C-alpha atoms as a PDB file:
ATOM      1  CA  UNK A   1      35.052 -84.448  -2.566  1.00  0.00           C
ATOM      2  CA  UNK A   2      35.451 -88.111  -3.529  1.00  0.00           C
ATOM      3  CA  UNK A   3      38.529 -89.742  -2.018  1.00  0.00           C
ATOM      4  CA  UNK A   4      40.948 -91.793  -4.077  1.00  0.00           C
ATOM      5  CA  UNK A   5      40.106 -94.790  -1.911  1.00  0.00           C
ATOM      6  CA  UNK A   6      36.391 -94.470  -2.668  1.00  0.00           C
ATOM      7  CA  UNK A   7      37.106 -94.060  -6.380  1.00  0.00           C
ATOM      8  CA  UNK A   8      39.291 -97.172  -6.409  1.00  0.00           C
ATOM      9  CA  UNK A   9      36.671 -99.181  -4.522  1.00  0.00           C
ATOM     10  CA  UNK A  10      34.321 -98.271  -7.372  1.00  0.00           C
ATOM     11  CA  UNK A  11      36.844 -99.466  -9.952  1.00  0.00           C
ATOM     12  CA  UNK A  12      36.824-103.028  -8.617  1.00  0.00           C
ATOM     13  CA  UNK A  13      34.165-104.528 -10.924  1.00  0.00           C
ATOM     14  CA  UNK A  14      36.141-103.451 -14.008  1.00  0.00           C
ATOM     15  CA  UNK A  15      39.444-104.565 -12.448  1.00  0.00           C
ATOM     16  CA  UNK A  16      37.974-107.972 -11.621  1.00  0.00           C
ATOM     17  CA  UNK A  17      36.570-108.428 -15.123  1.00  0.00           C
ATOM     18  CA  UNK A  18      39.931-107.545 -16.683  1.00  0.00           C
ATOM     19  CA  UNK A  19      41.846-109.826 -14.311  1.00  0.00           C
ATOM     20  CA  UNK A  20      39.554-112.802 -14.849  1.00  0.00           C
ATOM     21  CA  UNK A  21      39.586-112.289 -18.627  1.00  0.00           C
ATOM     22  CA  UNK A  22      43.384-112.322 -18.510  1.00  0.00           C
ATOM     23  CA  UNK A  23      43.934-115.217 -16.106  1.00  0.00           C
ATOM     24  CA  UNK A  24      41.161-117.737 -16.735  1.00  0.00           C
ATOM     25  CA  UNK A  25      42.748-118.830 -20.054  1.00  0.00           C
ATOM     26  CA  UNK A  26      45.896-119.748 -18.102  1.00  0.00           C
ATOM     27  CA  UNK A  27      44.375-122.495 -15.957  1.00  0.00           C
ATOM     28  CA  UNK A  28      46.151-125.155 -18.027  1.00  0.00           C
ATOM     29  CA  UNK A  29      49.526-123.508 -17.332  1.00  0.00           C
ATOM     30  CA  UNK A  30      48.853-123.630 -13.605  1.00  0.00           C
ATOM     31  CA  UNK A  31      47.801-127.275 -13.862  1.00  0.00           C
ATOM     32  CA  UNK A  32      50.962-128.213 -15.771  1.00  0.00           C
ATOM     33  CA  UNK A  33      53.259-126.604 -13.190  1.00  0.00           C
ATOM     34  CA  UNK A  34      51.278-127.923 -10.226  1.00  0.00           C
ATOM     35  CA  UNK A  35      51.429-131.481 -11.567  1.00  0.00           C
ATOM     36  CA  UNK A  36      54.987-131.714 -10.257  1.00  0.00           C
ATOM     37  CA  UNK A  37      53.968-130.650  -6.725  1.00  0.00           C
ATOM     38  CA  UNK A  38      51.810-131.896  -3.891  1.00  0.00           C
ATOM     39  CA  UNK A  39      51.507-129.022  -1.400  1.00  0.00           C
ATOM     40  CA  UNK A  40      51.547-125.213  -1.366  1.00  0.00           C
ATOM     41  CA  UNK A  41      53.526-122.551   0.465  1.00  0.00           C
ATOM     42  CA  UNK A  42      52.168-118.984   0.371  1.00  0.00           C
ATOM     43  CA  UNK A  43      54.696-116.141   0.694  1.00  0.00           C
ATOM     44  CA  UNK A  44      53.335-112.671   1.520  1.00  0.00           C
ATOM     45  CA  UNK A  45      53.128-109.742   3.935  1.00  0.00           C
ATOM     46  CA  UNK A  46      50.409-107.293   4.969  1.00  0.00           C
ATOM     47  CA  UNK A  47      47.302-107.175   2.808  1.00  0.00           C
ATOM     48  CA  UNK A  48      48.814-109.784   0.499  1.00  0.00           C
ATOM     49  CA  UNK A  49      49.200-112.089   3.502  1.00  0.00           C
ATOM     50  CA  UNK A  50      45.472-111.742   4.175  1.00  0.00           C
ATOM     51  CA  UNK A  51      44.831-112.725   0.557  1.00  0.00           C
ATOM     52  CA  UNK A  52      47.125-115.703   1.110  1.00  0.00           C
ATOM     53  CA  UNK A  53      44.921-116.824   4.023  1.00  0.00           C
ATOM     54  CA  UNK A  54      42.058-117.069   1.523  1.00  0.00           C
ATOM     55  CA  UNK A  55      44.338-119.049  -0.784  1.00  0.00           C
ATOM     56  CA  UNK A  56      45.239-121.436   2.013  1.00  0.00           C
ATOM     57  CA  UNK A  57      41.643-122.141   3.052  1.00  0.00           C
ATOM     58  CA  UNK A  58      40.479-122.462  -0.542  1.00  0.00           C
ATOM     59  CA  UNK A  59      43.309-124.838  -1.413  1.00  0.00           C
ATOM     60  CA  UNK A  60      42.785-127.115   1.559  1.00  0.00           C
ATOM     61  CA  UNK A  61      38.978-127.032   1.493  1.00  0.00           C
ATOM     62  CA  UNK A  62      38.516-127.527  -2.243  1.00  0.00           C
ATOM     63  CA  UNK A  63      41.646-129.159  -3.731  1.00  0.00           C
ATOM     64  CA  UNK A  64      42.698-131.570  -0.975  1.00  0.00           C
ATOM     65  CA  UNK A  65      46.265-130.249  -0.937  1.00  0.00           C
ATOM     66  CA  UNK A  66      48.083-129.166   2.205  1.00  0.00           C
ATOM     67  CA  UNK A  67      48.815-125.427   2.215  1.00  0.00           C
ATOM     68  CA  UNK A  68      50.815-123.321   4.678  1.00  0.00           C
ATOM     69  CA  UNK A  69      51.872-119.704   5.140  1.00  0.00           C
ATOM     70  CA  UNK A  70      55.596-119.000   4.925  1.00  0.00           C
ATOM     71  CA  UNK A  71      57.637-117.126   7.516  1.00  0.00           C
ATOM     72  CA  UNK A  72      59.841-114.972   5.235  1.00  0.00           C
ATOM     73  CA  UNK A  73      62.367-114.393   8.023  1.00  0.00           C
ATOM     74  CA  UNK A  74      63.386-118.066   7.712  1.00  0.00           C
ATOM     75  CA  UNK A  75      64.777-117.103   4.305  1.00  0.00           C
ATOM     76  CA  UNK A  76      65.828-113.496   4.792  1.00  0.00           C
ATOM     77  CA  UNK A  77      67.014-113.365   8.409  1.00  0.00           C
ATOM     78  CA  UNK A  78      67.850-116.921   9.448  1.00  0.00           C
ATOM     79  CA  UNK A  79      68.912-117.906   5.918  1.00  0.00           C
ATOM     80  CA  UNK A  80      67.948-121.513   6.610  1.00  0.00           C
ATOM     81  CA  UNK A  81      67.832-124.229   3.974  1.00  0.00           C
ATOM     82  CA  UNK A  82      64.532-126.129   3.868  1.00  0.00           C
ATOM     83  CA  UNK A  83      63.658-129.090   1.656  1.00  0.00           C
ATOM     84  CA  UNK A  84      60.898-127.755  -0.625  1.00  0.00           C
ATOM     85  CA  UNK A  85      60.889-130.519  -3.241  1.00  0.00           C
ATOM     86  CA  UNK A  86      57.282-131.136  -4.284  1.00  0.00           C
ATOM     87  CA  UNK A  87      56.166-127.683  -3.078  1.00  0.00           C
ATOM     88  CA  UNK A  88      54.427-125.027  -5.150  1.00  0.00           C
ATOM     89  CA  UNK A  89      55.494-121.697  -3.645  1.00  0.00           C
ATOM     90  CA  UNK A  90      53.026-118.882  -4.359  1.00  0.00           C
ATOM     91  CA  UNK A  91      54.448-115.405  -3.740  1.00  0.00           C
ATOM     92  CA  UNK A  92      52.060-112.435  -3.528  1.00  0.00           C
ATOM     93  CA  UNK A  93      53.046-108.782  -3.757  1.00  0.00           C
ATOM     94  CA  UNK A  94      50.875-106.024  -5.166  1.00  0.00           C
ATOM     95  CA  UNK A  95      53.858-104.051  -6.449  1.00  0.00           C
ATOM     96  CA  UNK A  96      56.027-107.046  -7.266  1.00  0.00           C
ATOM     97  CA  UNK A  97      58.909-105.044  -5.803  1.00  0.00           C
ATOM     98  CA  UNK A  98      58.835-105.846  -2.084  1.00  0.00           C
ATOM     99  CA  UNK A  99      62.398-107.035  -1.589  1.00  0.00           C
ATOM    100  CA  UNK A 100      61.623-109.475   1.228  1.00  0.00           C
ATOM    101  CA  UNK A 101      59.018-111.289  -0.882  1.00  0.00           C
ATOM    102  CA  UNK A 102      61.222-111.319  -3.986  1.00  0.00           C
ATOM    103  CA  UNK A 103      64.105-112.719  -1.911  1.00  0.00           C
ATOM    104  CA  UNK A 104      61.910-115.338  -0.236  1.00  0.00           C
ATOM    105  CA  UNK A 105      60.567-116.490  -3.607  1.00  0.00           C
ATOM    106  CA  UNK A 106      64.152-116.892  -4.868  1.00  0.00           C
ATOM    107  CA  UNK A 107      65.008-118.817  -1.685  1.00  0.00           C
ATOM    108  CA  UNK A 108      62.033-121.146  -2.202  1.00  0.00           C
ATOM    109  CA  UNK A 109      63.123-121.842  -5.759  1.00  0.00           C
ATOM    110  CA  UNK A 110      66.696-122.537  -4.631  1.00  0.00           C
ATOM    111  CA  UNK A 111      65.274-124.970  -2.056  1.00  0.00           C
ATOM    112  CA  UNK A 112      63.547-126.970  -4.795  1.00  0.00           C
ATOM    113  CA  UNK A 113      60.083-125.402  -5.041  1.00  0.00           C
ATOM    114  CA  UNK A 114      58.210-124.521  -8.207  1.00  0.00           C
ATOM    115  CA  UNK A 115      57.172-120.877  -8.032  1.00  0.00           C
ATOM    116  CA  UNK A 116      54.123-118.801  -8.952  1.00  0.00           C
ATOM    117  CA  UNK A 117      54.046-115.010  -8.606  1.00  0.00           C
ATOM    118  CA  UNK A 118      50.781-113.106  -8.130  1.00  0.00           C
ATOM    119  CA  UNK A 119      51.331-109.392  -8.624  1.00  0.00           C
ATOM    120  CA  UNK A 120      49.842-106.209  -9.997  1.00  0.00           C
ATOM    121  CA  UNK A 121      53.348-105.056 -10.883  1.00  0.00           C
ATOM    122  CA  UNK A 122      53.261-106.530 -14.367  1.00  0.00           C
ATOM    123  CA  UNK A 123      55.442-109.146 -16.084  1.00  0.00           C
ATOM    124  CA  UNK A 124      58.554-106.951 -15.849  1.00  0.00           C
ATOM    125  CA  UNK A 125      58.404-106.703 -12.028  1.00  0.00           C
ATOM    126  CA  UNK A 126      61.178-108.512 -10.103  1.00  0.00           C
ATOM    127  CA  UNK A 127      58.687-110.940  -8.559  1.00  0.00           C
ATOM    128  CA  UNK A 128      57.207-111.933 -11.927  1.00  0.00           C
ATOM    129  CA  UNK A 129      60.635-112.182 -13.532  1.00  0.00           C
ATOM    130  CA  UNK A 130      61.856-114.550 -10.824  1.00  0.00           C
ATOM    131  CA  UNK A 131      58.920-116.985 -10.964  1.00  0.00           C
ATOM    132  CA  UNK A 132      58.297-120.103 -13.032  1.00  0.00           C
ATOM    133  CA  UNK A 133      54.821-118.705 -13.725  1.00  0.00           C
ATOM    134  CA  UNK A 134      53.483-115.187 -13.199  1.00  0.00           C
ATOM    135  CA  UNK A 135      49.786-114.454 -12.766  1.00  0.00           C
ATOM    136  CA  UNK A 136      49.612-110.683 -13.232  1.00  0.00           C
ATOM    137  CA  UNK A 137      46.456-108.962 -12.075  1.00  0.00           C
ATOM    138  CA  UNK A 138      44.851-106.117 -14.029  1.00  0.00           C
ATOM    139  CA  UNK A 139      43.897-103.653 -11.297  1.00  0.00           C
ATOM    140  CA  UNK A 140      45.624-100.699 -12.917  1.00  0.00           C
ATOM    141  CA  UNK A 141      47.433 -98.068 -10.868  1.00  0.00           C
ATOM    142  CA  UNK A 142      46.304 -97.809  -7.260  1.00  0.00           C
ATOM    143  CA  UNK A 143      47.049 -94.423  -5.672  1.00  0.00           C
ATOM    144  CA  UNK A 144      45.403 -94.600  -2.249  1.00  0.00           C
ATOM    145  CA  UNK A 145      47.625 -96.214   0.368  1.00  0.00           C
ATOM    146  CA  UNK A 146      44.958 -98.684   1.631  1.00  0.00           C
ATOM    147  CA  UNK A 147      44.780-101.512  -0.903  1.00  0.00           C
ATOM    148  CA  UNK A 148      41.345-102.191  -2.363  1.00  0.00           C
ATOM    149  CA  UNK A 149      41.268-103.237  -6.017  1.00  0.00           C
ATOM    150  CA  UNK A 150      44.742-104.789  -5.814  1.00  0.00           C
ATOM    151  CA  UNK A 151      43.471-106.990  -2.964  1.00  0.00           C
ATOM    152  CA  UNK A 152      40.298-108.206  -4.675  1.00  0.00           C
ATOM    153  CA  UNK A 153      42.167-108.954  -7.895  1.00  0.00           C
ATOM    154  CA  UNK A 154      44.685-110.980  -5.882  1.00  0.00           C
ATOM    155  CA  UNK A 155      41.762-113.037  -4.590  1.00  0.00           C
ATOM    156  CA  UNK A 156      40.602-113.512  -8.180  1.00  0.00           C
ATOM    157  CA  UNK A 157      44.070-114.764  -9.133  1.00  0.00           C
ATOM    158  CA  UNK A 158      44.009-117.192  -6.196  1.00  0.00           C
ATOM    159  CA  UNK A 159      40.620-118.477  -7.331  1.00  0.00           C
ATOM    160  CA  UNK A 160      42.091-119.115 -10.793  1.00  0.00           C
ATOM    161  CA  UNK A 161      45.063-120.836  -9.142  1.00  0.00           C
ATOM    162  CA  UNK A 162      42.636-123.117  -7.290  1.00  0.00           C
ATOM    163  CA  UNK A 163      40.961-124.039 -10.575  1.00  0.00           C
ATOM    164  CA  UNK A 164      44.363-125.006 -11.953  1.00  0.00           C
ATOM    165  CA  UNK A 165      44.854-127.200  -8.897  1.00  0.00           C
ATOM    166  CA  UNK A 166      41.618-129.038  -9.702  1.00  0.00           C
ATOM    167  CA  UNK A 167      39.341-127.415  -7.145  1.00  0.00           C
ATOM    168  CA  UNK A 168      35.972-129.088  -6.694  1.00  0.00           C
ATOM    169  CA  UNK A 169      33.952-125.983  -7.592  1.00  0.00           C
ATOM    170  CA  UNK A 170      31.902-124.571 -10.449  1.00  0.00           C
ATOM    171  CA  UNK A 171      34.262-122.328 -12.494  1.00  0.00           C
ATOM    172  CA  UNK A 172      31.347-120.307 -13.855  1.00  0.00           C
ATOM    173  CA  UNK A 173      30.767-118.932 -10.348  1.00  0.00           C
ATOM    174  CA  UNK A 174      33.625-116.531 -11.063  1.00  0.00           C
ATOM    175  CA  UNK A 175      31.621-114.960 -13.892  1.00  0.00           C
ATOM    176  CA  UNK A 176      29.151-113.667 -11.293  1.00  0.00           C
ATOM    177  CA  UNK A 177      31.721-111.899  -9.137  1.00  0.00           C
ATOM    178  CA  UNK A 178      32.075-108.497 -10.872  1.00  0.00           C
ATOM    179  CA  UNK A 179      28.323-107.924 -10.966  1.00  0.00           C
ATOM    180  CA  UNK A 180      27.969-109.004  -7.316  1.00  0.00           C
ATOM    181  CA  UNK A 181      30.699-106.535  -6.305  1.00  0.00           C
ATOM    182  CA  UNK A 182      29.039-103.779  -8.316  1.00  0.00           C
ATOM    183  CA  UNK A 183      25.756-104.421  -6.504  1.00  0.00           C
ATOM    184  CA  UNK A 184      27.458-104.177  -3.113  1.00  0.00           C
ATOM    185  CA  UNK A 185      29.067-100.866  -4.030  1.00  0.00           C
ATOM    186  CA  UNK A 186      25.671 -99.501  -5.018  1.00  0.00           C
ATOM    187  CA  UNK A 187      23.901-100.902  -1.920  1.00  0.00           C
ATOM    188  CA  UNK A 188      26.219-101.868   0.959  1.00  0.00           C
ATOM    189  CA  UNK A 189      23.416-102.005   3.517  1.00  0.00           C
ATOM    190  CA  UNK A 190      23.088 -99.972   6.711  1.00  0.00           C
ATOM    191  CA  UNK A 191      26.472 -98.281   6.315  1.00  0.00           C
ATOM    192  CA  UNK A 192      25.578 -95.096   8.179  1.00  0.00           C
ATOM    193  CA  UNK A 193      24.413 -96.989  11.275  1.00  0.00           C
ATOM    194  CA  UNK A 194      27.622 -99.017  11.463  1.00  0.00           C
ATOM    195  CA  UNK A 195      29.778 -95.906  10.954  1.00  0.00           C
ATOM    196  CA  UNK A 196      27.981 -94.107  13.769  1.00  0.00           C
ATOM    197  CA  UNK A 197      28.222 -97.184  15.965  1.00  0.00           C
ATOM    198  CA  UNK A 198      32.011 -97.292  15.586  1.00  0.00           C
ATOM    199  CA  UNK A 199      32.742 -93.561  15.510  1.00  0.00           C
ATOM    200  CA  UNK A 200      33.191 -93.126  19.245  1.00  0.00           C
ATOM    201  CA  UNK A 201      34.788 -96.478  19.986  1.00  0.00           C
ATOM    202  CA  UNK A 202      38.508 -97.038  20.660  1.00  0.00           C
ATOM    203  CA  UNK A 203      38.531-100.553  19.263  1.00  0.00           C
ATOM    204  CA  UNK A 204      36.622-103.329  17.559  1.00  0.00           C
ATOM    205  CA  UNK A 205      36.862-107.095  17.183  1.00  0.00           C
ATOM    206  CA  UNK A 206      36.455-108.388  13.616  1.00  0.00           C
ATOM    207  CA  UNK A 207      35.681-112.080  13.305  1.00  0.00           C
ATOM    208  CA  UNK A 208      34.978-114.702  10.674  1.00  0.00           C
ATOM    209  CA  UNK A 209      35.854-118.341  10.178  1.00  0.00           C
ATOM    210  CA  UNK A 210      36.996-120.579   7.348  1.00  0.00           C
ATOM    211  CA  UNK A 211      36.943-118.862   3.994  1.00  0.00           C
ATOM    212  CA  UNK A 212      35.642-115.666   5.635  1.00  0.00           C
ATOM    213  CA  UNK A 213      38.599-115.490   8.042  1.00  0.00           C
ATOM    214  CA  UNK A 214      40.729-113.726   5.417  1.00  0.00           C
ATOM    215  CA  UNK A 215      38.042-111.038   5.147  1.00  0.00           C
ATOM    216  CA  UNK A 216      38.041-110.529   8.908  1.00  0.00           C
ATOM    217  CA  UNK A 217      41.811-110.062   8.903  1.00  0.00           C
ATOM    218  CA  UNK A 218      41.737-107.666   5.958  1.00  0.00           C
ATOM    219  CA  UNK A 219      38.829-105.622   7.358  1.00  0.00           C
ATOM    220  CA  UNK A 220      40.645-105.292  10.682  1.00  0.00           C
ATOM    221  CA  UNK A 221      43.816-104.212   8.890  1.00  0.00           C
ATOM    222  CA  UNK A 222      41.960-101.550   6.925  1.00  0.00           C
ATOM    223  CA  UNK A 223      40.355-100.165  10.092  1.00  0.00           C
ATOM    224  CA  UNK A 224      43.774-100.001  11.751  1.00  0.00           C
ATOM    225  CA  UNK A 225      45.477 -98.398   8.763  1.00  0.00           C
ATOM    226  CA  UNK A 226      42.922 -95.765   7.826  1.00  0.00           C
ATOM    227  CA  UNK A 227      40.862 -95.200  10.992  1.00  0.00           C
ATOM    228  CA  UNK A 228      43.515 -95.812  13.678  1.00  0.00           C
ATOM    229  CA  UNK A 229      41.214 -98.196  15.531  1.00  0.00           C
ATOM    230  CA  UNK A 230      42.543-100.970  17.744  1.00  0.00           C
ATOM    231  CA  UNK A 231      40.987-103.587  15.477  1.00  0.00           C
ATOM    232  CA  UNK A 232      41.571-107.260  16.267  1.00  0.00           C
ATOM    233  CA  UNK A 233      41.020-109.784  13.467  1.00  0.00           C
ATOM    234  CA  UNK A 234      40.204-113.257  14.783  1.00  0.00           C
ATOM    235  CA  UNK A 235      38.670-116.544  13.812  1.00  0.00           C
ATOM    236  CA  UNK A 236      35.483-116.854  15.844  1.00  0.00           C
ATOM    237  CA  UNK A 237      36.840-120.146  17.192  1.00  0.00           C
ATOM    238  CA  UNK A 238      39.827-118.254  18.650  1.00  0.00           C
ATOM    239  CA  UNK A 239      37.554-115.442  19.824  1.00  0.00           C
ATOM    240  CA  UNK A 240      35.510-117.895  21.875  1.00  0.00           C
ATOM    241  CA  UNK A 241      38.652-119.239  23.548  1.00  0.00           C
ATOM    242  CA  UNK A 242      39.089-116.126  25.675  1.00  0.00           C
ATOM    243  CA  UNK A 243      39.374-112.839  23.763  1.00  0.00           C
ATOM    244  CA  UNK A 244      35.572-112.539  23.664  1.00  0.00           C
ATOM    245  CA  UNK A 245      36.007-111.023  27.122  1.00  0.00           C
ATOM    246  CA  UNK A 246      37.131-107.793  25.432  1.00  0.00           C
ATOM    247  CA  UNK A 247      33.799-107.434  23.602  1.00  0.00           C
ATOM    248  CA  UNK A 248      31.689-105.012  25.635  1.00  0.00           C
ATOM    249  CA  UNK A 249      29.835-101.701  25.342  1.00  0.00           C
ATOM    250  CA  UNK A 250      33.055 -99.940  24.286  1.00  0.00           C
ATOM    251  CA  UNK A 251      34.362-102.703  22.003  1.00  0.00           C
ATOM    252  CA  UNK A 252      31.795-103.894  19.465  1.00  0.00           C
ATOM    253  CA  UNK A 253      32.188-106.851  17.124  1.00  0.00           C
ATOM    254  CA  UNK A 254      32.032-107.035  13.349  1.00  0.00           C
ATOM    255  CA  UNK A 255      31.022-110.574  12.347  1.00  0.00           C
ATOM    256  CA  UNK A 256      31.528-111.765   8.772  1.00  0.00           C
ATOM    257  CA  UNK A 257      30.103-114.775   6.940  1.00  0.00           C
ATOM    258  CA  UNK A 258      29.126-115.941   3.495  1.00  0.00           C
ATOM    259  CA  UNK A 259      25.427-116.398   2.847  1.00  0.00           C
ATOM    260  CA  UNK A 260      25.912-120.172   2.922  1.00  0.00           C
ATOM    261  CA  UNK A 261      28.373-122.721   4.222  1.00  0.00           C
ATOM    262  CA  UNK A 262      29.312-124.557   7.421  1.00  0.00           C
ATOM    263  CA  UNK A 263      30.538-121.506   9.356  1.00  0.00           C
ATOM    264  CA  UNK A 264      27.306-119.500   9.031  1.00  0.00           C
ATOM    265  CA  UNK A 265      25.364-121.036  11.979  1.00  0.00           C
ATOM    266  CA  UNK A 266      28.272-120.407  14.338  1.00  0.00           C
ATOM    267  CA  UNK A 267      28.556-116.794  13.215  1.00  0.00           C
ATOM    268  CA  UNK A 268      24.858-116.211  13.853  1.00  0.00           C
ATOM    269  CA  UNK A 269      25.155-117.816  17.287  1.00  0.00           C
ATOM    270  CA  UNK A 270      28.109-115.557  18.085  1.00  0.00           C
ATOM    271  CA  UNK A 271      26.117-112.459  17.082  1.00  0.00           C
ATOM    272  CA  UNK A 272      23.324-113.541  19.424  1.00  0.00           C
ATOM    273  CA  UNK A 273      25.799-114.073  22.247  1.00  0.00           C
ATOM    274  CA  UNK A 274      27.415-110.657  21.725  1.00  0.00           C
ATOM    275  CA  UNK A 275      24.130-108.738  21.643  1.00  0.00           C
ATOM    276  CA  UNK A 276      22.794-110.797  24.530  1.00  0.00           C
ATOM    277  CA  UNK A 277      25.745-109.580  26.598  1.00  0.00           C
ATOM    278  CA  UNK A 278      24.846-105.964  25.848  1.00  0.00           C
ATOM    279  CA  UNK A 279      27.477-105.273  23.182  1.00  0.00           C
ATOM    280  CA  UNK A 280      26.908-104.275  19.570  1.00  0.00           C
ATOM    281  CA  UNK A 281      27.381-106.858  16.813  1.00  0.00           C
ATOM    282  CA  UNK A 282      27.580-105.603  13.236  1.00  0.00           C
ATOM    283  CA  UNK A 283      27.003-108.236  10.579  1.00  0.00           C
ATOM    284  CA  UNK A 284      28.644-108.401   7.162  1.00  0.00           C
ATOM    285  CA  UNK A 285      26.997-110.896   4.825  1.00  0.00           C
ATOM    286  CA  UNK A 286      25.450-113.975   6.362  1.00  0.00           C
ATOM    287  CA  UNK A 287      22.056-113.444   4.758  1.00  0.00           C
ATOM    288  CA  UNK A 288      18.922-112.641   6.737  1.00  0.00           C
ATOM    289  CA  UNK A 289      19.989-114.906   9.600  1.00  0.00           C
ATOM    290  CA  UNK A 290      23.018-112.808  10.545  1.00  0.00           C
ATOM    291  CA  UNK A 291      21.253-109.531   9.767  1.00  0.00           C
ATOM    292  CA  UNK A 292      18.436-110.459  12.148  1.00  0.00           C
ATOM    293  CA  UNK A 293      20.839-111.389  14.945  1.00  0.00           C
ATOM    294  CA  UNK A 294      23.009-108.276  14.502  1.00  0.00           C
ATOM    295  CA  UNK A 295      22.624-104.740  15.802  1.00  0.00           C
ATOM    296  CA  UNK A 296      22.977-103.457  12.235  1.00  0.00           C
ATOM    297  CA  UNK A 297      24.151-105.166   9.071  1.00  0.00           C
ATOM    298  CA  UNK A 298      26.052-104.641   5.846  1.00  0.00           C
ATOM    299  CA  UNK A 299      25.074-106.664   2.817  1.00  0.00           C
ATOM    300  CA  UNK A 300      27.072-109.599   1.529  1.00  0.00           C
ATOM    301  CA  UNK A 301      27.444-110.860  -2.034  1.00  0.00           C
ATOM    302  CA  UNK A 302      25.034-113.290  -3.658  1.00  0.00           C
ATOM    303  CA  UNK A 303      27.844-115.750  -4.339  1.00  0.00           C
ATOM    304  CA  UNK A 304      28.791-119.329  -3.387  1.00  0.00           C
ATOM    305  CA  UNK A 305      31.019-119.597  -0.336  1.00  0.00           C
ATOM    306  CA  UNK A 306      34.215-120.368  -2.257  1.00  0.00           C
ATOM    307  CA  UNK A 307      34.186-117.013  -4.089  1.00  0.00           C
ATOM    308  CA  UNK A 308      32.320-114.988  -1.453  1.00  0.00           C
ATOM    309  CA  UNK A 309      35.500-113.342  -0.034  1.00  0.00           C
ATOM    310  CA  UNK A 310      35.870-111.444  -3.327  1.00  0.00           C
ATOM    311  CA  UNK A 311      32.667-109.619  -2.407  1.00  0.00           C
ATOM    312  CA  UNK A 312      32.626-109.796   1.403  1.00  0.00           C
ATOM    313  CA  UNK A 313      35.552-107.376   1.710  1.00  0.00           C
ATOM    314  CA  UNK A 314      33.754-104.607  -0.212  1.00  0.00           C
ATOM    315  CA  UNK A 315      31.421-103.521   2.644  1.00  0.00           C
ATOM    316  CA  UNK A 316      34.480-103.431   4.914  1.00  0.00           C
ATOM    317  CA  UNK A 317      36.312-101.191   2.451  1.00  0.00           C
ATOM    318  CA  UNK A 318      33.333 -98.840   2.210  1.00  0.00           C
ATOM    319  CA  UNK A 319      33.003 -98.821   6.001  1.00  0.00           C
ATOM    320  CA  UNK A 320      36.687 -97.958   6.425  1.00  0.00           C
ATOM    321  CA  UNK A 321      36.538 -95.091   3.938  1.00  0.00           C
ATOM    322  CA  UNK A 322      33.340 -93.637   5.402  1.00  0.00           C
ATOM    323  CA  UNK A 323      34.483 -94.027   9.021  1.00  0.00           C
ATOM    324  CA  UNK A 324      37.833 -92.372   8.285  1.00  0.00           C
ATOM    325  CA  UNK A 325      36.047 -89.353   6.838  1.00  0.00           C
ATOM    326  CA  UNK A 326      33.660 -89.326   9.810  1.00  0.00           C
ATOM    327  CA  UNK A 327      36.703 -89.206  12.119  1.00  0.00           C
ATOM    328  CA  UNK A 328      38.377 -86.429  10.135  1.00  0.00           C
ATOM    329  CA  UNK A 329      41.119 -88.697   8.752  1.00  0.00           C
ATOM    330  CA  UNK A 330      42.302 -88.721   5.142  1.00  0.00           C
ATOM    331  CA  UNK A 331      41.899 -92.392   4.130  1.00  0.00           C
ATOM    332  CA  UNK A 332      44.102 -91.915   1.057  1.00  0.00           C
ATOM    333  CA  UNK A 333      47.254 -91.180   3.054  1.00  0.00           C
ATOM    334  CA  UNK A 334      47.193 -92.636   6.586  1.00  0.00           C
ATOM    335  CA  UNK A 335      50.019 -91.487   8.837  1.00  0.00           C
ATOM    336  CA  UNK A 336      53.242 -93.472   8.815  1.00  0.00           C
ATOM    337  CA  UNK A 337      52.411 -95.572   5.747  1.00  0.00           C
ATOM    338  CA  UNK A 338      53.721 -95.746   2.188  1.00  0.00           C
ATOM    339  CA  UNK A 339      52.262 -97.507  -0.827  1.00  0.00           C
ATOM    340  CA  UNK A 340      55.162 -99.991  -1.028  1.00  0.00           C
ATOM    341  CA  UNK A 341      56.491-101.249   2.314  1.00  0.00           C
ATOM    342  CA  UNK A 342      59.993-102.695   2.477  1.00  0.00           C
ATOM    343  CA  UNK A 343      60.945-105.069   5.293  1.00  0.00           C
ATOM    344  CA  UNK A 344      64.217-106.829   5.966  1.00  0.00           C
END
C-alpha cells in the first residue's frame, strides 16, 4: 500500500511547476515592495522555519542584504515594540492559519515593516489577507502530517523572492528544478542501505552548511516526526565544535551538500573523519566526492548550489517514509502531531 506521504513526495514536480508558473511573473511586484526596505526578517515555525533558514542564507549570500530569523514570542508573549522601519518581514505558514505567525506578521507591520506572506493556504487565508504582498504556493491539498510538497514549494517561493531582491543568480536555473526533483524520486540512490543502516539506531546527526543547512534541519525534523529518532540537525561547523563526540557506532551521521560550492570540501572531509573513527556516514548529494567518502550515499540534484535545496530534501523525504515503514510506523499520522499546529 502506498502511503499518503509517498504519494505527496511524488507530486512535488507538478507542484513545483505550478508554483513557479504562478510566482515567477510576480518578480516585479516583489522588487517594487522591496525597494523601500534594506533588510529582511523571516517569521516562521517548524518546517516553515527550516525553509526560512534557506531564505536567510540565500538572501545574504546572493543579494547582499542582511536577513534574520524572528523570535515570534517577542510579539506574542513579550508584546515588545521594535523599530522595523526599512525591514521586509517575510512570514511563512503552509496553512496560512497558524495564529502565532499571523499575529507576528501583524505586529511586524504595526512596527513599520513591509510584509510578504508565503503560504499554501491561498489568497483568502488570514496570513495572505494581512500582508502587503502574498506569494501563494500551488502545492494543492497535503494530507500526510509530515510536510513534503508544501515545503519544497515554499523554497520555490523564497527563490522567487530572492530574484525580486536582485539576487546574483541565473533565473533560468529554476526551470531545471522540477525535472531534477523528478529524477531524484525515480532514482534516490542507495536508499535501502541507508534505511537498514539507521533501522536499529536510536539517533542520528544530520549535518550540512550554508545553503544546505536548511536541508539538514528539515531532514532531522522529518526523522524525528515520522521515525521517532533522536535526530540532531547541525551546521558542520557547530558539529566540529564539540557535538561530533556523539557520533559513534550507535549514532551515525547524515551529511548533506550540493554538488558544487564552497561547503562541499568541508563536508567530504567530515565524512572521511566520521568513517575514519569507525562510525557510519551517509551522504546526500555532494557528487562523487561525498559518495566515495561515505558509507552509503543518496543522490543529489544536478542543480546549481543556490537552488539545490529544492532537490536535496527529496532523498531525505524518501528516507523518512521508507524508514518509518521499516520501523512499523505510519508516516502519514505520527503520534502527537496534527497538520496545523497552533502555538501561543
